[in-house]
Amino acid sequence: MTEFLHRYGIVLIVATGVAVPVVVGLFHHLYFIFLPQRAIKKRSDGDPERLRRYLERVLATPSLLGSGVKIVAHTGLVGIYLRSGRHTEAVAHCRAILTALVGSRNRDRYGALEADTRRRLADCLEALGENDEAEEQRRRAQEGLRLAPADSLRHITKGTLLEREHRYEEAYREHLKALELTPASNVLIRVECMMHLVTAAFNAGRPTDCLRWAEEAIALGATGRLFVSAHIMAAVACSNLGRLEESEQHYRKAYDALASAKKTPEMAATLGGLADCLRRRGKLVEANEICIQAAAMDPKGRRMSLAVQSHVLRAWGRYDEALAIRAGYKDAGQLVIPHHERRIVAVQSLDTARIEAECGRADAAWSHVQEALAVLRDVAKLGLVCEAVCCWVLAVRGLADESQRFSSEVAARLNHFERDPSTCRGVLHDLGMAACACGDHHAGIDCWTRYLGLSPDPVHQPTAFYQRGECHRQLGQVTEARNDYRAAVATNLDTHHARLAQQRLDRFALL
C-alpha cells in the first residue's frame, strides 16, 4: 500500500487544500512520506520491531499539515500489528487513516485506499469478536470501490474481498487486472499482485497457474516475506501436480531464507511443509523425525508438523495416536485473520473425520464432517471434498443407499476440477472408500482405477492397490486381486495397507 501512496503523491492528499510554503512541503514529504516509505520497504521483513519504534516516533512528531501526511506511517503499523496478531493496535491505526481520508477534500480520488483500509479494519474487528461492525466495514469497502478510480489498488482490494466470499475465479480476474495496470518499473507492486494471483489460483483449483505466478514472482525479484511465500506456494502447487522433488526443493529454499533471517517460528512451519513432502514420497520415518524436530523448534510454528505427523501415524495404521496428535492442533498457534483460521481448522476436521471413518467410528466422523461443512460448504473445491467425505461416513453409518446416491452426485461434479489433480485424487479416494464400505465393489474398482490413473503420491498407492484388490476378491476375481496385492507390496513402503496386502498374499499361498 505504501508504494500506492507514493505513486499518487499522497504527501498532500489530506492537507487543507491551501497553498503551503515549498520548504515546509518538501520537509513534510521527506520526513513523513519518503523516509517512512523507504524504512518500510527495507525493514518490514528483517526487523519489524525496529521499524515499529521508528514509525511510532514519526507519528509522535507534530505536523503543520495535519494528520493526513502521516498515513504512510499508520499504514506501515497496521501491517506490523496485524501480522503479529495485535489487532487492537491495528484497529487504532486503521481508524486514524480513515479519519484522515474522510476529512480530505479529495476523498473520492482515494476510494481504493479507503476501501483497502476498511477491509483490513474488518479483519481486525472480526478477530476481536466485533462481527457486526466487521461486516459493516466490508459493506462500506464494497461501496467505496464503486466510486474509486480504476487503479491497481482498487482491483487488489476488490479481489481480496471476493476471496472472503469464496469467489476465487472472480478474484483471480481482479488481481490480473491489478497486475496489468501496474507499470513494469514498479517491481514491488507487481510482485504483490502476482502473489495475490498465486493464492486465488490455488483456491480456484488452478495449480498450474498458481505455480506459474509463484515462479514469476521469484524471477522478478521477490524479497523477504514475499520470496518465502512464493517458494512455499510453488512447493504446494508442485505437490498438487505430483512434482514432489521440485516441491521439496522449493521448501528447502524457503527454509534457507528463513534461517538466514533467523525467523524460528516460520522455520518450524516450513519444516512441517518439507516433512509433508517427504511423507508423500513415502519417506515416513524421515518425515516423522523432521516433524519432531519442527515441533521442538518453536511452539508457534508446530501446527503444520502436528498435522503431518498425524498423517504419518495414520499411514502406519496407528489411528489412536494420530487422533491424539490432532487434538492439539487448534491450540498450536492460530492465524491472525479469522477467515483463514476457520478454513484451516475446517480442513483439519475433514482429515480427522477420515481417520474416524477408517476406524469405524461413524458418529465421531459425522460430527467432524459437519464442522467442516459449516465453514466450507460454499467453497467450490473444498465443498466438494467435504461431500465426498460425507459419502464415506454415510456408508460407515450403514446408510448405503444414501451414500451411493450422494456419491453419484459428487462424481458428476468432479469433471469441473480436471485442472486440479489433487482435488480429483482426494475425491476419488473418499468415493472409493465409500463404495467399499457400501459393498459396491464394481463402483469401488472404478474409483480406485481412476484414482491410480491420476498418479497418486507414492505413500497413497498401497492403499489404492489394496482396496481395489479387496473389491476384486469380493467379486471372486482372484487373479486380479493377487495382482493388486502384489502391486501394493511392490511399492516397498511400510504402510498399514501394504502390510494388509502382504497378509492377503500369505493367505492365498496357503490355499
Protein backbone atom coordinates (compact mmCIF):
# COMPACT_ATOMS: atom_id res chain seq x y z
CA MET A 1 0.00 0.00 0.00
CA THR A 2 2.85 2.40 0.73
CA GLU A 3 4.00 2.20 -2.90
CA PHE A 4 0.50 3.17 -3.92
CA LEU A 5 0.59 6.19 -1.66
CA HIS A 6 3.87 7.35 -3.14
CA ARG A 7 2.77 6.75 -6.71
CA TYR A 8 -0.24 9.01 -6.29
CA GLY A 9 1.54 11.80 -4.45
CA ILE A 10 -0.27 11.22 -1.19
CA VAL A 11 2.00 13.74 0.54
CA LEU A 12 -0.69 16.38 0.43
CA ILE A 13 -3.86 14.35 -0.21
CA VAL A 14 -5.46 15.28 3.06
CA ALA A 15 -3.89 18.62 3.55
CA THR A 16 -6.23 21.53 3.87
CA GLY A 17 -6.05 22.18 0.14
CA VAL A 18 -4.49 25.65 0.59
CA ALA A 19 -1.01 26.60 -0.58
CA VAL A 20 1.89 25.94 1.76
CA PRO A 21 5.46 27.13 1.57
CA VAL A 22 7.60 24.94 -0.63
CA VAL A 23 10.19 24.32 2.07
CA VAL A 24 7.58 23.12 4.55
CA GLY A 25 6.03 20.91 1.92
CA LEU A 26 9.36 19.36 0.98
CA PHE A 27 10.29 18.76 4.62
CA HIS A 28 6.98 17.07 5.32
CA HIS A 29 7.30 14.92 2.21
CA LEU A 30 10.80 13.84 3.23
CA TYR A 31 10.06 13.23 6.91
CA PHE A 32 6.53 11.84 6.84
CA ILE A 33 6.39 10.13 3.43
CA PHE A 34 9.70 9.35 1.74
CA LEU A 35 11.77 8.18 4.73
CA PRO A 36 8.99 6.07 6.33
CA GLN A 37 8.30 4.52 2.93
CA ARG A 38 11.94 3.60 2.49
CA ALA A 39 12.11 2.20 6.02
CA ILE A 40 9.03 0.04 5.45
CA LYS A 41 10.50 -1.36 2.26
CA LYS A 42 13.85 -2.04 3.90
CA ARG A 43 12.92 -3.33 7.35
CA SER A 44 9.36 -4.74 7.31
CA ASP A 45 10.70 -8.29 6.91
CA GLY A 46 14.09 -8.08 8.56
CA ASP A 47 13.50 -6.04 11.71
CA PRO A 48 9.79 -5.26 12.26
CA GLU A 49 10.28 -4.22 15.89
CA ARG A 50 12.85 -1.59 14.99
CA LEU A 51 10.58 -0.40 12.20
CA ARG A 52 7.65 -0.20 14.63
CA ARG A 53 9.59 2.05 17.01
CA TYR A 54 10.66 4.32 14.17
CA LEU A 55 7.15 4.67 12.74
CA GLU A 56 5.73 5.42 16.19
CA ARG A 57 8.29 8.24 16.51
CA VAL A 58 7.19 9.63 13.16
CA LEU A 59 3.59 9.66 14.35
CA ALA A 60 4.56 11.42 17.56
CA THR A 61 6.16 14.26 15.60
CA PRO A 62 3.86 17.32 15.17
CA SER A 63 2.87 18.20 11.60
CA LEU A 64 1.96 21.62 10.21
CA LEU A 65 -0.13 19.93 7.52
CA GLY A 66 -2.37 17.89 9.77
CA SER A 67 -2.65 14.15 10.32
CA GLY A 68 -3.08 13.31 6.65
CA VAL A 69 0.64 13.31 5.91
CA LYS A 70 1.09 10.54 8.50
CA ILE A 71 -0.90 7.97 6.54
CA VAL A 72 2.23 6.10 5.39
CA ALA A 73 3.36 5.56 8.99
CA HIS A 74 -0.12 4.46 10.06
CA THR A 75 -0.27 2.04 7.13
CA GLY A 76 3.08 0.50 7.98
CA LEU A 77 2.00 -0.01 11.58
CA VAL A 78 -1.26 -1.66 10.51
CA GLY A 79 0.78 -4.27 8.66
CA ILE A 80 3.15 -4.84 11.58
CA TYR A 81 0.41 -5.14 14.18
CA LEU A 82 -1.87 -7.27 12.01
CA ARG A 83 0.87 -9.79 11.18
CA SER A 84 1.76 -10.11 14.88
CA GLY A 85 -1.87 -10.57 15.95
CA ARG A 86 -2.06 -7.26 17.83
CA HIS A 87 -5.49 -6.43 16.48
CA THR A 88 -6.41 -3.68 18.92
CA GLU A 89 -3.39 -1.60 17.91
CA ALA A 90 -4.04 -2.29 14.23
CA VAL A 91 -7.64 -1.10 14.63
CA ALA A 92 -6.47 2.22 16.09
CA HIS A 93 -4.21 2.89 13.12
CA CYS A 94 -6.88 1.86 10.60
CA ARG A 95 -9.27 4.32 12.21
CA ALA A 96 -6.62 7.06 12.09
CA ILE A 97 -6.19 6.51 8.34
CA LEU A 98 -9.94 6.61 7.78
CA THR A 99 -10.29 9.79 9.82
CA ALA A 100 -7.67 11.48 7.67
CA LEU A 101 -9.22 10.26 4.41
CA VAL A 102 -12.79 11.14 5.33
CA GLY A 103 -11.67 14.69 6.15
CA SER A 104 -9.89 15.10 2.84
CA ARG A 105 -11.21 17.37 0.11
CA ASN A 106 -10.03 14.79 -2.43
CA ARG A 107 -11.70 11.81 -0.78
CA ASP A 108 -13.19 10.31 -3.97
CA ARG A 109 -9.75 10.17 -5.54
CA TYR A 110 -8.57 7.82 -2.81
CA GLY A 111 -11.56 5.49 -2.64
CA ALA A 112 -9.41 2.40 -3.19
CA LEU A 113 -7.14 3.31 -0.29
CA GLU A 114 -10.16 3.86 1.96
CA ALA A 115 -11.71 0.55 0.85
CA ASP A 116 -8.48 -1.36 1.47
CA THR A 117 -8.18 0.17 4.93
CA ARG A 118 -11.76 -0.80 5.74
CA ARG A 119 -11.01 -4.35 4.58
CA ARG A 120 -8.09 -4.60 6.98
CA LEU A 121 -10.12 -2.99 9.74
CA ALA A 122 -12.84 -5.60 9.20
CA ASP A 123 -10.33 -8.45 9.62
CA CYS A 124 -9.10 -6.93 12.88
CA LEU A 125 -12.58 -6.32 14.23
CA GLU A 126 -13.61 -9.88 13.44
CA ALA A 127 -10.58 -11.19 15.33
CA LEU A 128 -11.71 -9.09 18.30
CA GLY A 129 -15.21 -10.58 18.15
CA GLU A 130 -16.85 -7.42 16.79
CA ASN A 131 -18.51 -9.25 13.90
CA ASP A 132 -21.34 -6.83 13.19
CA GLU A 133 -19.04 -3.87 12.75
CA ALA A 134 -16.66 -6.02 10.71
CA GLU A 135 -19.47 -6.79 8.26
CA GLU A 136 -20.39 -3.11 8.15
CA GLN A 137 -16.80 -2.19 7.27
CA ARG A 138 -16.74 -4.78 4.47
CA ARG A 139 -20.02 -3.38 3.13
CA ARG A 140 -18.62 0.15 3.17
CA ALA A 141 -15.44 -1.08 1.49
CA GLN A 142 -17.52 -2.55 -1.34
CA GLU A 143 -19.45 0.71 -1.69
CA GLY A 144 -16.26 2.75 -1.75
CA LEU A 145 -14.79 0.67 -4.55
CA ARG A 146 -17.64 1.59 -6.89
CA LEU A 147 -16.51 5.21 -6.87
CA ALA A 148 -12.76 4.59 -6.76
CA PRO A 149 -10.52 5.21 -9.80
CA ALA A 150 -9.67 2.06 -11.75
CA ASP A 151 -6.15 1.68 -10.38
CA SER A 152 -4.26 -1.39 -9.18
CA LEU A 153 -5.18 -0.96 -5.52
CA ARG A 154 -8.86 -0.92 -6.40
CA HIS A 155 -8.59 -4.29 -8.16
CA ILE A 156 -6.40 -5.81 -5.43
CA THR A 157 -8.89 -4.76 -2.77
CA LYS A 158 -11.87 -5.97 -4.77
CA GLY A 159 -10.14 -9.29 -5.42
CA THR A 160 -9.37 -9.75 -1.74
CA LEU A 161 -12.97 -9.02 -0.77
CA LEU A 162 -14.16 -11.55 -3.34
CA GLU A 163 -11.84 -14.14 -1.82
CA ARG A 164 -13.55 -13.62 1.54
CA GLU A 165 -16.76 -14.67 -0.24
CA HIS A 166 -15.03 -17.73 -1.78
CA ARG A 167 -15.44 -16.27 -5.28
CA TYR A 168 -11.93 -17.23 -6.34
CA GLU A 169 -12.30 -17.16 -10.13
CA GLU A 170 -13.63 -13.62 -9.97
CA ALA A 171 -10.89 -12.69 -7.52
CA TYR A 172 -8.30 -14.10 -9.90
CA ARG A 173 -9.56 -11.85 -12.69
CA GLU A 174 -9.43 -8.78 -10.43
CA HIS A 175 -5.84 -9.47 -9.38
CA LEU A 176 -4.91 -9.99 -13.04
CA LYS A 177 -6.33 -6.54 -13.85
CA ALA A 178 -4.29 -5.08 -11.00
CA LEU A 179 -1.13 -6.60 -12.47
CA GLU A 180 -1.95 -5.26 -15.94
CA LEU A 181 -2.37 -1.75 -14.54
CA THR A 182 0.95 -1.82 -12.67
CA PRO A 183 3.93 -0.44 -14.63
CA ALA A 184 6.81 -2.81 -15.28
CA SER A 185 9.08 -0.42 -13.37
CA ASN A 186 7.11 -0.93 -10.15
CA VAL A 187 8.55 -4.31 -9.22
CA LEU A 188 7.28 -4.36 -5.63
CA ILE A 189 3.62 -3.90 -6.56
CA ARG A 190 3.90 -6.33 -9.47
CA VAL A 191 5.25 -8.98 -7.13
CA GLU A 192 2.43 -8.26 -4.69
CA CYS A 193 -0.14 -8.65 -7.49
CA MET A 194 1.46 -11.93 -8.54
CA MET A 195 1.24 -13.29 -5.01
CA HIS A 196 -2.45 -12.41 -4.91
CA LEU A 197 -2.79 -14.34 -8.18
CA VAL A 198 -0.95 -17.28 -6.62
CA THR A 199 -3.44 -17.55 -3.76
CA ALA A 200 -6.54 -17.01 -5.89
CA ALA A 201 -5.37 -19.54 -8.49
CA PHE A 202 -4.69 -22.19 -5.87
CA ASN A 203 -8.07 -21.71 -4.20
CA ALA A 204 -9.80 -21.77 -7.58
CA GLY A 205 -8.32 -25.20 -8.31
CA ARG A 206 -5.74 -23.98 -10.82
CA PRO A 207 -2.40 -25.33 -9.52
CA THR A 208 -0.61 -24.80 -12.86
CA ASP A 209 -1.42 -21.09 -12.76
CA CYS A 210 -0.54 -20.98 -9.07
CA LEU A 211 2.92 -22.39 -9.84
CA ARG A 212 3.37 -20.10 -12.83
CA TRP A 213 2.76 -16.90 -10.86
CA ALA A 214 4.85 -18.05 -7.90
CA GLU A 215 7.80 -18.71 -10.20
CA GLU A 216 7.28 -15.39 -11.98
CA ALA A 217 7.29 -13.56 -8.65
CA ILE A 218 10.56 -15.25 -7.71
CA ALA A 219 12.10 -14.49 -11.11
CA LEU A 220 11.00 -10.84 -10.90
CA GLY A 221 12.91 -10.41 -7.64
CA ALA A 222 10.56 -11.09 -4.74
CA THR A 223 12.35 -10.49 -1.46
CA GLY A 224 11.80 -11.17 2.23
CA ARG A 225 8.35 -12.40 3.19
CA LEU A 226 7.14 -12.45 -0.42
CA PHE A 227 10.15 -14.52 -1.52
CA VAL A 228 9.42 -17.12 1.15
CA SER A 229 5.70 -17.16 0.40
CA ALA A 230 6.37 -17.59 -3.31
CA HIS A 231 8.58 -20.62 -2.72
CA ILE A 232 6.12 -22.18 -0.26
CA MET A 233 3.19 -21.76 -2.64
CA ALA A 234 5.31 -23.09 -5.50
CA ALA A 235 6.03 -26.11 -3.31
CA VAL A 236 2.32 -26.60 -2.60
CA ALA A 237 1.44 -26.31 -6.29
CA CYS A 238 4.18 -28.76 -7.31
CA SER A 239 2.93 -31.21 -4.70
CA ASN A 240 -0.60 -30.84 -6.07
CA LEU A 241 0.73 -31.61 -9.57
CA GLY A 242 2.68 -34.66 -8.36
CA ARG A 243 6.08 -32.99 -8.86
CA LEU A 244 7.32 -33.90 -5.40
CA GLU A 245 11.06 -33.48 -5.93
CA GLU A 246 10.50 -29.93 -7.17
CA SER A 247 8.20 -29.32 -4.22
CA GLU A 248 10.94 -30.41 -1.83
CA GLN A 249 13.43 -28.02 -3.43
CA HIS A 250 11.08 -25.07 -3.06
CA TYR A 251 10.51 -25.88 0.62
CA ARG A 252 14.26 -26.05 1.19
CA LYS A 253 14.84 -22.66 -0.46
CA ALA A 254 12.13 -21.11 1.68
CA TYR A 255 13.64 -22.67 4.79
CA ASP A 256 17.16 -21.43 3.94
CA ALA A 257 15.85 -17.88 3.51
CA LEU A 258 14.08 -18.02 6.87
CA ALA A 259 17.14 -19.50 8.55
CA SER A 260 19.27 -16.63 7.23
CA ALA A 261 16.80 -14.18 8.75
CA LYS A 262 16.60 -16.25 11.98
CA LYS A 263 12.80 -16.46 11.85
CA THR A 264 12.39 -19.52 14.06
CA PRO A 265 8.56 -19.91 14.09
CA GLU A 266 8.40 -19.65 10.31
CA MET A 267 11.33 -22.07 10.02
CA ALA A 268 9.42 -24.61 12.09
CA ALA A 269 6.28 -24.22 9.95
CA THR A 270 8.30 -24.61 6.73
CA LEU A 271 9.97 -27.73 8.10
CA GLY A 272 6.47 -29.10 8.55
CA GLY A 273 5.80 -28.48 4.86
CA LEU A 274 9.05 -30.22 3.94
CA ALA A 275 8.08 -33.16 6.15
CA ASP A 276 4.77 -33.43 4.33
CA CYS A 277 6.59 -33.55 1.00
CA LEU A 278 8.77 -36.39 2.29
CA ARG A 279 5.69 -38.17 3.65
CA ARG A 280 4.01 -38.03 0.27
CA ARG A 281 7.10 -39.58 -1.27
CA GLY A 282 6.79 -42.45 1.21
CA LYS A 283 9.76 -41.42 3.38
CA LEU A 284 7.72 -41.85 6.54
CA VAL A 285 10.50 -42.30 9.09
CA GLU A 286 12.38 -39.25 7.84
CA ALA A 287 9.17 -37.21 7.72
CA ASN A 288 8.31 -38.17 11.28
CA GLU A 289 11.76 -37.21 12.53
CA ILE A 290 11.51 -33.79 10.89
CA CYS A 291 8.07 -33.28 12.44
CA ILE A 292 9.51 -33.94 15.89
CA GLN A 293 12.38 -31.53 15.16
CA ALA A 294 9.98 -28.82 13.94
CA ALA A 295 7.64 -29.19 16.92
CA ALA A 296 10.58 -28.77 19.30
CA MET A 297 11.97 -25.79 17.41
CA ASP A 298 9.21 -23.33 18.26
CA PRO A 299 5.71 -23.78 19.77
CA LYS A 300 4.24 -21.13 17.45
CA GLY A 301 5.38 -22.97 14.32
CA ARG A 302 4.49 -26.55 15.24
CA ARG A 303 0.97 -26.64 13.81
CA MET A 304 1.99 -27.94 10.38
CA SER A 305 4.27 -30.57 11.90
CA LEU A 306 1.42 -31.86 14.08
CA ALA A 307 -0.81 -32.29 11.04
CA VAL A 308 1.90 -34.08 9.08
CA GLN A 309 2.87 -36.34 11.97
CA SER A 310 -0.78 -37.32 12.26
CA HIS A 311 -0.77 -38.30 8.58
CA VAL A 312 2.38 -40.36 9.11
CA LEU A 313 0.84 -42.22 12.05
CA ARG A 314 -2.30 -42.84 10.02
CA ALA A 315 -0.22 -44.32 7.19
CA TRP A 316 1.29 -46.69 9.74
CA GLY A 317 -2.18 -47.64 10.98
CA ARG A 318 -1.64 -46.04 14.40
CA TYR A 319 -5.00 -44.30 14.35
CA ASP A 320 -5.46 -43.52 18.04
CA GLU A 321 -2.05 -41.85 18.17
CA ALA A 322 -2.87 -39.88 15.03
CA LEU A 323 -6.09 -38.61 16.62
CA ALA A 324 -4.30 -37.73 19.85
CA ILE A 325 -1.82 -35.60 17.88
CA ARG A 326 -4.67 -33.83 16.10
CA ALA A 327 -6.35 -32.96 19.39
CA GLY A 328 -3.66 -30.32 20.00
CA TYR A 329 -3.90 -28.76 16.55
CA LYS A 330 -6.31 -25.90 17.31
CA ASP A 331 -4.15 -24.60 20.16
CA ALA A 332 -0.87 -24.71 18.24
CA GLY A 333 -0.68 -21.07 17.11
CA GLN A 334 -3.74 -19.59 15.44
CA LEU A 335 -3.68 -17.48 12.28
CA VAL A 336 -4.19 -13.76 12.78
CA ILE A 337 -7.04 -13.46 10.25
CA PRO A 338 -10.18 -15.32 11.43
CA HIS A 339 -11.31 -16.15 7.87
CA HIS A 340 -8.11 -18.11 7.24
CA GLU A 341 -8.16 -19.69 10.69
CA ARG A 342 -11.69 -21.04 10.27
CA ARG A 343 -10.81 -22.50 6.91
CA ILE A 344 -7.65 -24.29 8.00
CA VAL A 345 -9.34 -25.74 11.10
CA ALA A 346 -12.21 -26.97 8.92
CA VAL A 347 -9.77 -28.75 6.60
CA GLN A 348 -8.21 -30.45 9.61
CA SER A 349 -11.68 -31.52 10.75
CA LEU A 350 -12.07 -33.29 7.41
CA ASP A 351 -8.85 -35.23 7.93
CA THR A 352 -9.97 -36.15 11.44
CA ALA A 353 -13.28 -37.39 10.02
CA ARG A 354 -11.39 -39.64 7.59
CA ILE A 355 -9.40 -41.23 10.41
CA GLU A 356 -12.52 -41.78 12.50
CA ALA A 357 -14.28 -43.33 9.48
CA GLU A 358 -11.35 -45.64 8.85
CA CYS A 359 -11.64 -46.78 12.46
CA GLY A 360 -15.38 -47.37 12.01
CA ARG A 361 -16.33 -44.61 14.47
CA ALA A 362 -19.26 -43.29 12.48
CA ASP A 363 -20.69 -40.83 15.00
CA ALA A 364 -17.39 -39.09 15.65
CA ALA A 365 -16.64 -38.98 11.94
CA TRP A 366 -20.04 -37.45 11.20
CA SER A 367 -19.55 -34.77 13.84
CA HIS A 368 -16.24 -33.69 12.31
CA VAL A 369 -17.70 -33.65 8.79
CA GLN A 370 -20.45 -31.34 9.95
CA GLU A 371 -17.86 -29.00 11.49
CA ALA A 372 -16.08 -28.83 8.16
CA LEU A 373 -19.26 -28.33 6.14
CA ALA A 374 -20.32 -25.41 8.33
CA VAL A 375 -17.29 -23.49 7.04
CA LEU A 376 -16.56 -24.99 3.61
CA ARG A 377 -19.98 -25.80 2.19
CA ASP A 378 -19.97 -22.79 -0.16
CA VAL A 379 -16.34 -23.17 -1.27
CA ALA A 380 -16.49 -24.89 -4.66
CA LYS A 381 -13.38 -27.05 -4.34
CA LEU A 382 -13.36 -27.82 -0.64
CA GLY A 383 -17.15 -28.10 -0.51
CA LEU A 384 -16.94 -30.97 -2.99
CA VAL A 385 -14.22 -32.64 -0.90
CA CYS A 386 -16.45 -32.33 2.17
CA GLU A 387 -19.30 -34.02 0.34
CA ALA A 388 -17.03 -36.88 -0.76
CA VAL A 389 -16.05 -37.48 2.86
CA CYS A 390 -19.76 -37.38 3.73
CA CYS A 391 -20.33 -40.24 1.27
CA TRP A 392 -17.75 -42.33 3.10
CA VAL A 393 -19.12 -41.51 6.54
CA LEU A 394 -22.69 -42.26 5.45
CA ALA A 395 -21.52 -45.68 4.30
CA VAL A 396 -19.79 -46.32 7.64
CA ARG A 397 -23.05 -45.35 9.35
CA GLY A 398 -24.81 -48.12 7.42
CA LEU A 399 -26.71 -45.76 5.10
CA ALA A 400 -25.61 -47.43 1.88
CA ASP A 401 -28.42 -46.16 -0.36
CA GLU A 402 -27.93 -42.57 0.72
CA SER A 403 -24.17 -42.88 0.34
CA GLN A 404 -24.46 -44.28 -3.19
CA ARG A 405 -26.93 -41.60 -4.28
CA PHE A 406 -24.74 -38.85 -2.86
CA SER A 407 -21.62 -40.43 -4.44
CA SER A 408 -23.22 -40.27 -7.89
CA GLU A 409 -23.91 -36.56 -7.44
CA VAL A 410 -20.36 -35.85 -6.28
CA ALA A 411 -18.79 -37.88 -9.10
CA ALA A 412 -20.83 -35.96 -11.68
CA ARG A 413 -19.38 -32.66 -10.46
CA LEU A 414 -15.80 -33.87 -10.42
CA ASN A 415 -15.36 -33.03 -14.11
CA HIS A 416 -15.29 -29.35 -13.20
CA PHE A 417 -11.90 -29.91 -11.49
CA GLU A 418 -9.96 -31.58 -14.28
CA ARG A 419 -7.22 -28.93 -13.93
CA ASP A 420 -6.79 -29.82 -10.25
CA PRO A 421 -5.44 -33.38 -9.97
CA SER A 422 -5.04 -33.21 -6.19
CA THR A 423 -8.74 -32.46 -5.68
CA CYS A 424 -9.69 -35.22 -8.14
CA ARG A 425 -7.49 -37.72 -6.34
CA GLY A 426 -8.85 -36.74 -2.94
CA VAL A 427 -12.47 -37.06 -4.02
CA LEU A 428 -11.91 -40.40 -5.79
CA HIS A 429 -10.14 -41.75 -2.70
CA ASP A 430 -13.10 -40.92 -0.48
CA LEU A 431 -15.63 -42.22 -3.01
CA GLY A 432 -13.60 -45.43 -3.31
CA MET A 433 -13.64 -45.89 0.45
CA ALA A 434 -17.39 -45.20 0.46
CA ALA A 435 -18.02 -47.79 -2.26
CA CYS A 436 -16.01 -50.42 -0.36
CA ALA A 437 -17.89 -49.66 2.86
CA CYS A 438 -21.21 -49.98 0.98
CA GLY A 439 -20.20 -53.29 -0.58
CA ASP A 440 -20.50 -51.75 -4.05
CA HIS A 441 -17.36 -53.43 -5.36
CA HIS A 442 -17.83 -52.64 -9.05
CA ALA A 443 -18.03 -48.93 -8.20
CA GLY A 444 -15.02 -49.37 -5.92
CA ILE A 445 -12.93 -50.86 -8.74
CA ASP A 446 -13.91 -47.97 -10.99
CA CYS A 447 -12.97 -45.34 -8.39
CA TRP A 448 -9.65 -46.89 -7.50
CA THR A 449 -8.72 -47.45 -11.15
CA ARG A 450 -9.43 -43.80 -11.94
CA TYR A 451 -7.53 -42.79 -8.83
CA LEU A 452 -4.44 -44.77 -9.81
CA GLY A 453 -4.66 -43.30 -13.31
CA LEU A 454 -4.01 -39.86 -11.77
CA SER A 455 -0.57 -40.91 -10.44
CA PRO A 456 -1.21 -40.55 -6.70
CA ASP A 457 1.61 -39.83 -4.28
CA PRO A 458 3.70 -42.94 -3.57
CA VAL A 459 2.55 -43.08 0.06
CA HIS A 460 -1.09 -43.49 -1.02
CA GLN A 461 -0.54 -46.14 -3.69
CA PRO A 462 -0.55 -49.16 -1.32
CA THR A 463 -3.97 -48.09 -0.05
CA ALA A 464 -5.41 -47.85 -3.57
CA PHE A 465 -3.99 -51.19 -4.71
CA TYR A 466 -5.10 -52.93 -1.53
CA GLN A 467 -8.63 -51.52 -1.64
CA ARG A 468 -9.04 -52.39 -5.32
CA GLY A 469 -7.68 -55.85 -4.57
CA GLU A 470 -10.31 -56.24 -1.86
CA CYS A 471 -13.04 -55.34 -4.36
CA HIS A 472 -11.72 -57.92 -6.84
CA ARG A 473 -11.55 -60.55 -4.10
CA GLN A 474 -15.12 -59.90 -3.02
CA LEU A 475 -16.23 -60.39 -6.63
CA GLY A 476 -14.31 -63.68 -6.90
CA GLN A 477 -11.71 -62.18 -9.26
CA VAL A 478 -8.78 -63.91 -7.60
CA THR A 479 -6.11 -63.23 -10.25
CA GLU A 480 -6.87 -59.51 -10.33
CA ALA A 481 -6.91 -59.41 -6.53
CA ARG A 482 -3.48 -61.07 -6.31
CA ASN A 483 -2.06 -58.63 -8.84
CA ASP A 484 -3.27 -55.65 -6.82
CA TYR A 485 -1.96 -57.05 -3.54
CA ARG A 486 1.42 -57.67 -5.17
CA ALA A 487 1.44 -54.12 -6.54
CA ALA A 488 0.78 -52.77 -3.04
CA VAL A 489 3.67 -54.79 -1.59
CA ALA A 490 5.95 -53.90 -4.52
CA THR A 491 5.90 -50.22 -3.51
CA ASN A 492 8.33 -51.27 -0.75
CA LEU A 493 6.67 -48.87 1.66
CA ASP A 494 5.99 -49.74 5.27
CA THR A 495 2.36 -48.68 5.44
CA HIS A 496 -0.67 -50.25 7.08
CA HIS A 497 -2.27 -51.19 3.76
CA ALA A 498 0.95 -52.61 2.33
CA ARG A 499 1.10 -54.91 5.37
CA LEU A 500 -2.55 -55.87 4.90
CA ALA A 501 -1.82 -56.69 1.26
CA GLN A 502 1.06 -58.96 2.31
CA GLN A 503 -1.26 -60.74 4.75
CA ARG A 504 -3.71 -61.40 1.90
CA LEU A 505 -0.94 -62.82 -0.25
CA ASP A 506 0.19 -65.05 2.61
CA ARG A 507 -3.32 -66.41 2.97
CA PHE A 508 -3.60 -67.05 -0.76
CA ALA A 509 -0.34 -69.01 -0.56
CA LEU A 510 -1.91 -71.35 2.00
CA LEU A 511 -4.88 -72.21 -0.22
